[in-house]
Amino acid sequence: MPIVDMTNPEPPKEEAPAKGPYYDKYPYGLKITLNGQALEKLGLSSKDFNVKTTGNLNGTFKVVAVRDNQREKIGSTGLNDLGQEEGSQEVELQITGLSIDKMGSKPKGRFQQMMEDLGKGPGE
């Protein structure tokens, strides 16, 4: 299966609160934390990572819960107090195996990318 961008759509600015972030870029629960023991099993340490560095991971999982909830519609939006649809579906996965490919470098700035592009020959 191809990798799917899991970014949430940005809500209209008029729905933004007066202070602080007004939406989560990614859905709740898609973030994982690797403690020292997990990093050691992967042959990594926190020094192998930099904030904003991207990489690829592969994993195996076990389904531990499946939920299909239906609730009475609240208000005209059809969303409950948590901003979830009234009829919601959830699958809870326990990660049972994980591999992390060699991380890339920090995202390239526009200048760095332009200089690399200039160094490439035609058709590269």
Protein backbone atom coordinates (compact mmCIF):
# COMPACT_ATOMS: atom_id res chain seq x y z
CA MET A 1 0.00 0.00 0.00
CA PRO A 2 1.37 3.45 -0.82
CA ILE A 3 2.11 5.91 1.97
CA VAL A 4 -0.90 8.18 2.58
CA ASP A 5 -0.54 11.78 3.83
CA MET A 6 -2.40 11.82 7.16
CA THR A 7 -2.50 15.62 7.55
CA ASN A 8 -5.84 16.97 8.81
CA PRO A 9 -7.49 19.59 6.61
CA GLU A 10 -7.08 23.07 8.06
CA PRO A 11 -10.41 24.46 9.33
CA PRO A 12 -11.58 27.93 8.27
CA LYS A 13 -9.81 30.79 10.08
CA GLU A 14 -13.09 32.09 11.51
CA GLU A 15 -13.30 28.91 13.63
CA ALA A 16 -9.89 29.64 15.21
CA PRO A 17 -9.80 30.46 18.94
CA ALA A 18 -8.41 33.81 20.04
CA LYS A 19 -5.23 32.23 21.45
CA GLY A 20 -3.09 29.17 20.80
CA PRO A 21 -3.19 26.59 18.04
CA TYR A 22 -6.64 26.05 16.64
CA TYR A 23 -6.23 22.62 15.13
CA ASP A 24 -3.97 19.58 15.27
CA LYS A 25 -2.00 19.02 12.07
CA TYR A 26 -2.33 15.24 12.44
CA PRO A 27 -5.09 13.09 13.99
CA TYR A 28 -4.83 12.23 17.68
CA GLY A 29 -2.97 9.01 18.34
CA LEU A 30 -0.63 9.00 15.33
CA LYS A 31 2.39 10.06 17.38
CA ILE A 32 4.60 7.43 19.03
CA THR A 33 7.30 7.84 21.66
CA LEU A 34 10.37 5.63 21.73
CA ASN A 35 11.96 5.36 25.18
CA GLY A 36 15.59 4.44 25.83
CA GLN A 37 14.87 0.70 25.90
CA ALA A 38 13.02 0.83 22.55
CA LEU A 39 15.78 2.93 20.97
CA GLU A 40 18.38 0.44 22.21
CA LYS A 41 16.46 -2.49 20.64
CA LEU A 42 16.46 -0.58 17.34
CA GLY A 43 20.18 0.11 17.61
CA LEU A 44 19.54 3.86 17.85
CA SER A 45 19.90 6.66 20.37
CA SER A 46 18.28 10.08 20.70
CA LYS A 47 21.48 11.53 19.17
CA ASP A 48 20.51 9.84 15.87
CA PHE A 49 17.54 12.20 15.56
CA ASN A 50 17.07 15.93 15.01
CA VAL A 51 13.80 17.84 15.27
CA LYS A 52 12.14 18.13 11.83
CA THR A 53 14.24 15.26 10.44
CA THR A 54 12.14 12.88 8.38
CA GLY A 55 12.56 9.16 7.81
CA ASN A 56 10.71 5.97 7.05
CA LEU A 57 9.48 3.35 9.45
CA ASN A 58 8.02 -0.07 8.92
CA GLY A 59 6.11 -2.02 11.47
CA THR A 60 3.86 -4.86 12.40
CA PHE A 61 0.82 -4.56 14.61
CA LYS A 62 -1.89 -6.49 16.38
CA VAL A 63 -5.49 -5.22 16.44
CA VAL A 64 -6.50 -4.86 20.09
CA ALA A 65 -9.85 -3.05 19.72
CA VAL A 66 -12.45 -2.25 17.07
CA ARG A 67 -15.16 0.31 17.80
CA ASP A 68 -18.12 1.42 15.71
CA ASN A 69 -20.00 4.04 17.73
CA GLN A 70 -23.31 5.63 16.91
CA ARG A 71 -24.68 8.57 18.86
CA GLU A 72 -27.55 10.97 18.62
CA LYS A 73 -26.68 13.98 16.47
CA ILE A 74 -25.86 17.09 18.51
CA GLY A 75 -26.59 20.43 16.89
CA SER A 76 -26.46 21.31 13.23
CA THR A 77 -22.81 20.38 12.71
CA GLY A 78 -23.25 16.67 13.44
CA LEU A 79 -20.17 16.80 15.65
CA ASN A 80 -20.03 15.94 19.33
CA ASP A 81 -18.27 17.97 22.04
CA LEU A 82 -14.90 16.48 21.00
CA GLY A 83 -15.34 17.54 17.37
CA GLN A 84 -15.88 13.94 16.28
CA GLU A 85 -18.58 12.75 13.96
CA GLU A 86 -21.56 11.26 15.76
CA GLY A 87 -21.12 7.89 14.08
CA SER A 88 -17.42 7.17 14.52
CA GLN A 89 -15.21 4.21 13.74
CA GLU A 90 -11.93 3.44 15.47
CA VAL A 91 -9.41 0.65 15.30
CA GLU A 92 -6.76 0.43 18.02
CA LEU A 93 -3.45 -1.08 16.95
CA GLN A 94 -0.68 -2.29 19.22
CA ILE A 95 2.67 -1.92 17.47
CA THR A 96 4.45 -5.27 17.87
CA GLY A 97 7.48 -4.78 15.62
CA LEU A 98 9.23 -1.73 14.23
CA SER A 99 12.12 -0.78 12.00
CA ILE A 100 13.33 2.70 11.21
CA ASP A 101 15.27 3.34 8.03
CA LYS A 102 18.26 5.63 8.09
CA MET A 103 16.97 9.12 8.71
CA GLY A 104 17.41 11.85 6.16
CA SER A 105 18.91 15.16 7.04
CA LYS A 106 17.00 18.19 8.18
CA PRO A 107 14.61 19.51 5.51
CA LYS A 108 16.51 21.44 2.89
CA GLY A 109 16.17 25.18 2.68
CA ARG A 110 15.24 26.81 -0.63
CA PHE A 111 18.81 28.03 -1.21
CA GLN A 112 20.35 24.61 -0.54
CA GLN A 113 17.84 22.90 -2.86
CA MET A 114 18.44 25.48 -5.61
CA MET A 115 22.22 24.98 -5.39
CA GLU A 116 21.83 21.20 -5.61
CA ASP A 117 19.50 21.54 -8.59
CA LEU A 118 22.02 23.79 -10.37
CA GLY A 119 24.68 21.11 -9.95
CA LYS A 120 22.60 18.47 -11.74
CA GLY A 121 23.00 17.82 -15.42
CA PRO A 122 20.16 17.83 -17.97
CA GLY A 123 17.55 15.16 -17.38
CA GLU A 124 18.73 14.33 -13.86
